[in-house]
Structure formats: structure tokens, C-alpha cells
Amino acid sequence: MIKGLLDKGAIPVLERMIQFAAERHRVLAHNIANISTPYFKPKDINTDSFQESLREAVSRRRTHKNPLAGPLQVPGTREVQFKDGLIQVRPSFINENIMFHDRNNRALERIMQDLAENTLAHKSGIEMLRNEFDMLRTAIRERV
């Protein structure tokens, strides 16, 4: 019964969004930690391909008899795979920065911008998930 409550509505979509943002945060933090390491090449996860696969999963879910309760099966991309509620990422190298003398192609400002945007996406997902759980709690208590 509890599983049925947590597999409906926006909860599975928000769960995947939060998982993706958390993994991307790890990748971006790794880039910042190694910003001055010689020969280090920063990596990132393509947000556009993740958003497209999530959009595709939501569209497929809407074709079921009950569009809010169908399974959310997010197709994997080259960089992101979802299996049994977990996420596996294989970030790719970013080659759009300037190469320095120590063979490091760092761009701290760009990485910090990506980190700020990712943090905002993560916090937004957490807040929306909190609202979903508040609505469930209200429904269970049968109070307004």
C-alpha cells in the first residue's frame, strides 16, 4: 500500500531529478577540488540528454490506463543509467575551456556557475518533493 502511494504523481519524477542533481554535484565538486591539478580535465554530465530521457519517460507513462500511476521507466543515456532505483553516471570530459601551461583546461567561473545552477535545481526538487509528502500527510490525516 505504501509503495502505491510513493509511485504515483510527481514523486518518481522528482526522485530521479534529485538523484541526477546529486550525482552531478559530486562531479562538479570533484572538478573544483582538482582545479589546480596539472593535466586535469574537468568532466560533466549532459543535462539536456537527461532532461530529454526524463521527458520521454513521462510521455510514455501518460499512455497508461492511469497516467499518474504508471511505472516511470527512464531510458538510459550514454552518461546516465537508472537501475533498481539507483543512478549510475559516466561523466564525459569538457573540452570547451582554455588550455593552460600545466595542460589543465580549467574554467573556475563556469564550473561555479554550473554548481550554482545545479544546487538550485536540487533545492527546487527537494522543495517540490516536500510539498508532495505534505499533501500525502494531509490526505492521510483527513484534515485540511
N, C-alpha and C. Protein backbone atom coordinates (compact mmCIF):
# COMPACT_ATOMS: atom_id res chain seq x y z
N MET A 1 0.81 -1.19 0.00
CA MET A 1 0.00 0.00 0.00
C MET A 1 0.86 1.26 0.00
N ILE A 2 1.91 1.27 0.83
CA ILE A 2 2.79 2.44 0.87
C ILE A 2 3.50 2.60 -0.47
N LYS A 3 3.93 1.49 -1.07
CA LYS A 3 4.60 1.56 -2.36
C LYS A 3 3.70 2.22 -3.40
N GLY A 4 2.42 1.90 -3.37
CA GLY A 4 1.47 2.50 -4.30
C GLY A 4 1.34 4.00 -4.11
N LEU A 5 1.46 4.47 -2.88
CA LEU A 5 1.39 5.91 -2.62
C LEU A 5 2.61 6.64 -3.15
N LEU A 6 3.76 6.00 -3.06
CA LEU A 6 5.01 6.66 -3.43
C LEU A 6 5.36 6.51 -4.90
N ASP A 7 4.61 5.69 -5.65
CA ASP A 7 4.87 5.50 -7.08
C ASP A 7 3.94 6.33 -7.95
N LYS A 8 3.15 7.19 -7.36
CA LYS A 8 2.16 7.95 -8.12
C LYS A 8 2.54 9.41 -8.23
N GLY A 9 1.91 10.06 -9.17
CA GLY A 9 2.06 11.50 -9.31
C GLY A 9 3.47 11.90 -9.70
N ALA A 10 3.91 12.97 -9.11
CA ALA A 10 5.21 13.56 -9.46
C ALA A 10 6.36 12.98 -8.65
N ILE A 11 6.08 12.17 -7.66
CA ILE A 11 7.14 11.70 -6.76
C ILE A 11 8.25 10.95 -7.50
N PRO A 12 7.96 9.99 -8.39
CA PRO A 12 9.06 9.30 -9.09
C PRO A 12 9.88 10.23 -9.98
N VAL A 13 9.23 11.20 -10.60
CA VAL A 13 9.94 12.16 -11.46
C VAL A 13 10.87 13.02 -10.62
N LEU A 14 10.36 13.51 -9.50
CA LEU A 14 11.18 14.34 -8.61
C LEU A 14 12.34 13.54 -8.02
N GLU A 15 12.09 12.26 -7.72
CA GLU A 15 13.14 11.41 -7.18
C GLU A 15 14.30 11.28 -8.18
N ARG A 16 13.97 11.06 -9.45
CA ARG A 16 15.01 10.94 -10.48
C ARG A 16 15.75 12.27 -10.68
N MET A 17 15.00 13.36 -10.63
CA MET A 17 15.61 14.68 -10.79
C MET A 17 16.61 14.96 -9.65
N ILE A 18 16.22 14.62 -8.43
CA ILE A 18 17.09 14.84 -7.28
C ILE A 18 18.31 13.94 -7.35
N GLN A 19 18.12 12.69 -7.75
CA GLN A 19 19.26 11.77 -7.88
C GLN A 19 20.26 12.29 -8.91
N PHE A 20 19.75 12.77 -10.03
CA PHE A 20 20.62 13.30 -11.07
C PHE A 20 21.39 14.52 -10.57
N ALA A 21 20.70 15.43 -9.91
CA ALA A 21 21.35 16.63 -9.40
C ALA A 21 22.41 16.29 -8.36
N ALA A 22 22.16 15.29 -7.53
CA ALA A 22 23.15 14.89 -6.52
C ALA A 22 24.41 14.31 -7.18
N GLU A 23 24.22 13.47 -8.19
CA GLU A 23 25.39 12.91 -8.88
C GLU A 23 26.16 13.98 -9.64
N ARG A 24 25.45 14.90 -10.26
CA ARG A 24 26.13 15.98 -10.98
C ARG A 24 26.88 16.87 -10.00
N HIS A 25 26.33 17.06 -8.81
CA HIS A 25 27.01 17.86 -7.79
C HIS A 25 28.34 17.21 -7.40
N ARG A 26 28.35 15.88 -7.29
CA ARG A 26 29.60 15.17 -6.98
C ARG A 26 30.65 15.40 -8.07
N VAL A 27 30.21 15.35 -9.32
CA VAL A 27 31.13 15.55 -10.44
C VAL A 27 31.68 16.98 -10.44
N LEU A 28 30.81 17.95 -10.24
CA LEU A 28 31.25 19.35 -10.23
C LEU A 28 32.16 19.64 -9.04
N ALA A 29 31.87 19.06 -7.88
CA ALA A 29 32.73 19.25 -6.71
C ALA A 29 34.11 18.63 -6.95
N HIS A 30 34.14 17.50 -7.64
CA HIS A 30 35.42 16.88 -8.00
C HIS A 30 36.23 17.80 -8.92
N ASN A 31 35.54 18.45 -9.85
CA ASN A 31 36.22 19.40 -10.74
C ASN A 31 36.83 20.56 -9.94
N ILE A 32 36.08 21.07 -8.97
CA ILE A 32 36.59 22.18 -8.16
C ILE A 32 37.76 21.73 -7.30
N ALA A 33 37.68 20.54 -6.74
CA ALA A 33 38.76 20.04 -5.90
C ALA A 33 40.06 19.85 -6.68
N ASN A 34 39.96 19.60 -7.97
CA ASN A 34 41.15 19.36 -8.79
C ASN A 34 41.45 20.51 -9.74
N ILE A 35 40.96 21.69 -9.43
CA ILE A 35 41.08 22.82 -10.35
C ILE A 35 42.53 23.19 -10.65
N SER A 36 43.44 22.96 -9.73
CA SER A 36 44.85 23.32 -9.97
C SER A 36 45.74 22.10 -10.18
N THR A 37 45.17 20.94 -10.39
CA THR A 37 45.94 19.73 -10.64
C THR A 37 46.42 19.73 -12.09
N PRO A 38 47.74 19.59 -12.30
CA PRO A 38 48.23 19.54 -13.68
C PRO A 38 47.62 18.36 -14.45
N TYR A 39 47.34 18.59 -15.72
CA TYR A 39 46.78 17.60 -16.64
C TYR A 39 45.35 17.18 -16.31
N PHE A 40 44.72 17.85 -15.37
CA PHE A 40 43.35 17.52 -15.02
C PHE A 40 42.39 18.08 -16.06
N LYS A 41 41.45 17.25 -16.47
CA LYS A 41 40.42 17.68 -17.42
C LYS A 41 39.07 17.55 -16.72
N PRO A 42 38.35 18.65 -16.57
CA PRO A 42 37.05 18.58 -15.89
C PRO A 42 36.04 17.75 -16.67
N LYS A 43 35.10 17.18 -15.93
CA LYS A 43 34.03 16.37 -16.51
C LYS A 43 32.69 16.97 -16.13
N ASP A 44 31.68 16.58 -16.86
CA ASP A 44 30.31 17.00 -16.54
C ASP A 44 29.35 15.97 -17.12
N ILE A 45 28.11 16.06 -16.67
CA ILE A 45 27.04 15.20 -17.16
C ILE A 45 26.10 16.08 -17.99
N ASN A 46 25.74 15.62 -19.14
CA ASN A 46 24.90 16.40 -20.05
C ASN A 46 23.48 16.49 -19.49
N THR A 47 23.09 17.69 -19.11
CA THR A 47 21.75 17.88 -18.55
C THR A 47 20.67 17.79 -19.61
N ASP A 48 20.98 18.20 -20.83
CA ASP A 48 19.98 18.16 -21.90
C ASP A 48 19.54 16.74 -22.21
N SER A 49 20.49 15.80 -22.27
CA SER A 49 20.12 14.42 -22.59
C SER A 49 19.33 13.79 -21.43
N PHE A 50 19.68 14.15 -20.18
CA PHE A 50 18.91 13.65 -19.05
C PHE A 50 17.48 14.18 -19.09
N GLN A 51 17.33 15.48 -19.35
CA GLN A 51 16.00 16.07 -19.41
C GLN A 51 15.17 15.45 -20.53
N GLU A 52 15.81 15.17 -21.65
CA GLU A 52 15.09 14.55 -22.76
C GLU A 52 14.64 13.14 -22.41
N SER A 53 15.50 12.36 -21.74
CA SER A 53 15.10 11.00 -21.37
C SER A 53 14.01 11.02 -20.29
N LEU A 54 14.07 11.99 -19.38
CA LEU A 54 13.01 12.12 -18.37
C LEU A 54 11.69 12.54 -19.02
N ARG A 55 11.78 13.44 -19.97
CA ARG A 55 10.59 13.88 -20.72
C ARG A 55 9.97 12.69 -21.46
N GLU A 56 10.80 11.86 -22.06
CA GLU A 56 10.33 10.68 -22.78
C GLU A 56 9.66 9.69 -21.83
N ALA A 57 10.24 9.51 -20.64
CA ALA A 57 9.65 8.59 -19.66
C ALA A 57 8.29 9.09 -19.19
N VAL A 58 8.17 10.38 -18.96
CA VAL A 58 6.89 10.95 -18.53
C VAL A 58 5.85 10.81 -19.64
N SER A 59 6.26 11.03 -20.89
CA SER A 59 5.33 10.88 -22.02
C SER A 59 4.84 9.44 -22.15
N ARG A 60 5.76 8.47 -22.00
CA ARG A 60 5.36 7.06 -22.07
C ARG A 60 4.44 6.70 -20.91
N ARG A 61 4.70 7.27 -19.75
CA ARG A 61 3.88 6.99 -18.57
C ARG A 61 2.46 7.49 -18.76
N ARG A 62 2.29 8.58 -19.49
CA ARG A 62 0.97 9.16 -19.72
C ARG A 62 0.10 8.30 -20.62
N THR A 63 0.68 7.35 -21.33
CA THR A 63 -0.10 6.49 -22.23
C THR A 63 -0.74 5.31 -21.50
N HIS A 64 -0.41 5.10 -20.23
CA HIS A 64 -1.00 4.00 -19.46
C HIS A 64 -2.45 4.32 -19.10
N LYS A 65 -3.17 3.30 -18.61
CA LYS A 65 -4.57 3.47 -18.22
C LYS A 65 -4.72 4.59 -17.20
N ASN A 66 -3.86 4.58 -16.20
CA ASN A 66 -3.86 5.63 -15.19
C ASN A 66 -2.56 6.41 -15.35
N PRO A 67 -2.59 7.56 -16.02
CA PRO A 67 -1.35 8.26 -16.36
C PRO A 67 -0.53 8.73 -15.17
N LEU A 68 -1.14 8.86 -14.01
CA LEU A 68 -0.37 9.30 -12.85
C LEU A 68 0.23 8.15 -12.07
N ALA A 69 -0.22 6.93 -12.34
CA ALA A 69 0.24 5.80 -11.55
C ALA A 69 1.04 4.78 -12.35
N GLY A 70 1.27 5.02 -13.61
CA GLY A 70 2.05 4.08 -14.40
C GLY A 70 3.51 4.08 -13.98
N PRO A 71 4.23 3.05 -14.34
CA PRO A 71 5.64 3.00 -13.97
C PRO A 71 6.45 4.07 -14.71
N LEU A 72 7.41 4.64 -14.01
CA LEU A 72 8.29 5.63 -14.62
C LEU A 72 9.60 4.93 -14.95
N GLN A 73 9.77 4.59 -16.21
CA GLN A 73 10.98 3.91 -16.65
C GLN A 73 11.79 4.88 -17.50
N VAL A 74 12.79 5.48 -16.86
CA VAL A 74 13.62 6.47 -17.55
C VAL A 74 14.65 5.74 -18.39
N PRO A 75 14.65 5.98 -19.71
CA PRO A 75 15.65 5.32 -20.55
C PRO A 75 17.04 5.88 -20.25
N GLY A 76 18.02 5.02 -20.30
CA GLY A 76 19.38 5.46 -20.04
C GLY A 76 19.96 6.24 -21.21
N THR A 77 20.94 7.03 -20.90
CA THR A 77 21.68 7.76 -21.92
C THR A 77 23.11 7.24 -21.90
N ARG A 78 23.96 7.83 -22.72
CA ARG A 78 25.35 7.41 -22.74
C ARG A 78 26.03 7.67 -21.40
N GLU A 79 25.58 8.71 -20.70
CA GLU A 79 26.22 9.11 -19.44
C GLU A 79 25.45 8.68 -18.20
N VAL A 80 24.16 8.44 -18.31
CA VAL A 80 23.32 8.18 -17.13
C VAL A 80 22.52 6.90 -17.34
N GLN A 81 22.56 6.00 -16.35
CA GLN A 81 21.78 4.77 -16.36
C GLN A 81 21.01 4.66 -15.05
N PHE A 82 19.73 4.33 -15.12
CA PHE A 82 18.91 4.13 -13.93
C PHE A 82 18.61 2.65 -13.81
N LYS A 83 18.94 2.08 -12.64
CA LYS A 83 18.68 0.65 -12.41
C LYS A 83 18.25 0.45 -10.97
N ASP A 84 17.11 -0.20 -10.78
CA ASP A 84 16.60 -0.55 -9.45
C ASP A 84 16.59 0.63 -8.49
N GLY A 85 16.13 1.76 -8.93
CA GLY A 85 16.04 2.93 -8.07
C GLY A 85 17.35 3.66 -7.86
N LEU A 86 18.42 3.19 -8.46
CA LEU A 86 19.72 3.82 -8.31
C LEU A 86 20.13 4.49 -9.63
N ILE A 87 21.13 5.32 -9.54
CA ILE A 87 21.64 6.01 -10.73
C ILE A 87 23.13 5.73 -10.86
N GLN A 88 23.55 5.47 -12.09
CA GLN A 88 24.97 5.29 -12.39
C GLN A 88 25.34 6.32 -13.46
N VAL A 89 26.42 7.06 -13.21
CA VAL A 89 26.82 8.09 -14.17
C VAL A 89 28.22 7.83 -14.68
N ARG A 90 28.42 8.20 -15.93
CA ARG A 90 29.74 8.17 -16.57
C ARG A 90 29.93 9.54 -17.22
N PRO A 91 30.43 10.50 -16.43
CA PRO A 91 30.58 11.85 -16.97
C PRO A 91 31.61 11.89 -18.10
N SER A 92 31.41 12.81 -19.00
CA SER A 92 32.34 12.97 -20.12
C SER A 92 33.19 14.22 -19.92
N PHE A 93 34.31 14.27 -20.60
CA PHE A 93 35.22 15.39 -20.47
C PHE A 93 34.65 16.64 -21.13
N ILE A 94 34.95 17.78 -20.54
CA ILE A 94 34.57 19.07 -21.10
C ILE A 94 35.80 19.63 -21.80
N ASN A 95 35.69 19.91 -23.07
CA ASN A 95 36.83 20.42 -23.83
C ASN A 95 36.58 21.81 -24.40
N GLU A 96 35.78 22.60 -23.71
CA GLU A 96 35.45 23.91 -24.24
C GLU A 96 36.21 25.04 -23.55
N ASN A 97 37.12 24.72 -22.68
CA ASN A 97 37.85 25.74 -21.93
C ASN A 97 39.21 26.03 -22.55
N ILE A 98 39.90 27.01 -22.01
CA ILE A 98 41.24 27.38 -22.49
C ILE A 98 42.27 26.46 -21.84
N MET A 99 43.20 25.95 -22.62
CA MET A 99 44.26 25.09 -22.10
C MET A 99 45.36 25.96 -21.50
N PHE A 100 45.72 25.69 -20.24
CA PHE A 100 46.77 26.43 -19.55
C PHE A 100 48.11 25.73 -19.75
N HIS A 101 49.18 26.37 -19.26
CA HIS A 101 50.54 25.82 -19.42
C HIS A 101 50.72 24.49 -18.70
N ASP A 102 49.97 24.27 -17.65
CA ASP A 102 50.09 23.00 -16.93
C ASP A 102 49.18 21.92 -17.53
N ARG A 103 48.68 22.16 -18.75
CA ARG A 103 47.83 21.23 -19.51
C ARG A 103 46.48 20.99 -18.83
N ASN A 104 46.06 21.94 -18.02
CA ASN A 104 44.77 21.88 -17.36
C ASN A 104 43.85 22.85 -18.08
N ASN A 105 42.69 22.41 -18.46
CA ASN A 105 41.75 23.29 -19.18
C ASN A 105 40.63 23.74 -18.23
N ARG A 106 41.02 24.42 -17.19
CA ARG A 106 40.08 24.82 -16.15
C ARG A 106 39.33 26.10 -16.52
N ALA A 107 38.16 26.22 -15.96
CA ALA A 107 37.34 27.43 -16.08
C ALA A 107 36.53 27.51 -14.80
N LEU A 108 37.14 28.03 -13.74
CA LEU A 108 36.51 28.05 -12.43
C LEU A 108 35.17 28.77 -12.44
N GLU A 109 35.10 29.89 -13.15
CA GLU A 109 33.84 30.64 -13.17
C GLU A 109 32.70 29.82 -13.76
N ARG A 110 32.99 29.10 -14.83
CA ARG A 110 31.97 28.27 -15.48
C ARG A 110 31.56 27.11 -14.57
N ILE A 111 32.53 26.49 -13.91
CA ILE A 111 32.22 25.38 -13.02
C ILE A 111 31.38 25.87 -11.84
N MET A 112 31.71 27.04 -11.30
CA MET A 112 30.95 27.59 -10.19
C MET A 112 29.53 27.96 -10.63
N GLN A 113 29.39 28.44 -11.85
CA GLN A 113 28.05 28.74 -12.38
C GLN A 113 27.24 27.45 -12.51
N ASP A 114 27.86 26.40 -13.05
CA ASP A 114 27.17 25.11 -13.16
C ASP A 114 26.78 24.58 -11.79
N LEU A 115 27.68 24.75 -10.81
CA LEU A 115 27.40 24.28 -9.46
C LEU A 115 26.22 25.04 -8.85
N ALA A 116 26.18 26.35 -9.06
CA ALA A 116 25.06 27.15 -8.53
C ALA A 116 23.74 26.75 -9.19
N GLU A 117 23.74 26.56 -10.51
CA GLU A 117 22.53 26.14 -11.21
C GLU A 117 22.08 24.76 -10.75
N ASN A 118 23.03 23.86 -10.56
CA ASN A 118 22.71 22.51 -10.12
C ASN A 118 22.16 22.52 -8.70
N THR A 119 22.73 23.35 -7.84
CA THR A 119 22.25 23.47 -6.47
C THR A 119 20.82 23.97 -6.45
N LEU A 120 20.52 24.94 -7.29
CA LEU A 120 19.16 25.46 -7.38
C LEU A 120 18.19 24.38 -7.86
N ALA A 121 18.59 23.60 -8.85
CA ALA A 121 17.74 22.51 -9.34
C ALA A 121 17.50 21.47 -8.24
N HIS A 122 18.54 21.14 -7.48
CA HIS A 122 18.42 20.17 -6.40
C HIS A 122 17.48 20.68 -5.31
N LYS A 123 17.68 21.93 -4.91
CA LYS A 123 16.82 22.51 -3.87
C LYS A 123 15.37 22.61 -4.33
N SER A 124 15.16 22.95 -5.59
CA SER A 124 13.80 23.03 -6.13
C SER A 124 13.15 21.66 -6.11
N GLY A 125 13.89 20.63 -6.51
CA GLY A 125 13.35 19.27 -6.48
C GLY A 125 13.01 18.82 -5.08
N ILE A 126 13.87 19.13 -4.12
CA ILE A 126 13.62 18.77 -2.72
C ILE A 126 12.37 19.48 -2.21
N GLU A 127 12.23 20.76 -2.52
CA GLU A 127 11.07 21.53 -2.07
C GLU A 127 9.78 20.98 -2.69
N MET A 128 9.80 20.64 -3.97
CA MET A 128 8.60 20.08 -4.60
C MET A 128 8.27 18.71 -4.02
N LEU A 129 9.29 17.90 -3.73
CA LEU A 129 9.06 16.59 -3.12
C LEU A 129 8.48 16.76 -1.71
N ARG A 130 8.98 17.73 -0.98
CA ARG A 130 8.44 18.02 0.36
C ARG A 130 6.96 18.40 0.26
N ASN A 131 6.60 19.19 -0.74
CA ASN A 131 5.19 19.56 -0.93
C ASN A 131 4.33 18.34 -1.24
N GLU A 132 4.86 17.41 -2.05
CA GLU A 132 4.12 16.18 -2.36
C GLU A 132 3.88 15.36 -1.09
N PHE A 133 4.90 15.24 -0.25
CA PHE A 133 4.74 14.49 1.00
C PHE A 133 3.80 15.20 1.97
N ASP A 134 3.81 16.53 1.97
CA ASP A 134 2.87 17.28 2.82
C ASP A 134 1.43 17.01 2.38
N MET A 135 1.21 16.96 1.05
CA MET A 135 -0.14 16.65 0.56
C MET A 135 -0.56 15.24 0.95
N LEU A 136 0.36 14.28 0.86
CA LEU A 136 0.06 12.91 1.28
C LEU A 136 -0.26 12.87 2.78
N ARG A 137 0.53 13.57 3.56
CA ARG A 137 0.31 13.61 5.01
C ARG A 137 -1.07 14.20 5.33
N THR A 138 -1.43 15.25 4.64
CA THR A 138 -2.74 15.88 4.84
C THR A 138 -3.86 14.90 4.46
N ALA A 139 -3.69 14.20 3.36
CA ALA A 139 -4.71 13.24 2.93
C ALA A 139 -4.84 12.08 3.92
N ILE A 140 -3.72 11.61 4.47
CA ILE A 140 -3.75 10.51 5.42
C ILE A 140 -4.44 10.93 6.72
N ARG A 141 -4.19 12.15 7.15
CA ARG A 141 -4.79 12.67 8.39
C ARG A 141 -6.25 13.07 8.20
N GLU A 142 -6.67 13.22 6.95
CA GLU A 142 -8.02 13.63 6.59
C GLU A 142 -8.37 14.99 7.19
N ARG A 143 -7.41 15.90 7.19
CA ARG A 143 -7.61 17.26 7.66
C ARG A 143 -7.16 18.22 6.60
N VAL A 144 -7.70 19.42 6.66
CA VAL A 144 -7.30 20.46 5.70
C VAL A 144 -6.43 21.47 6.38
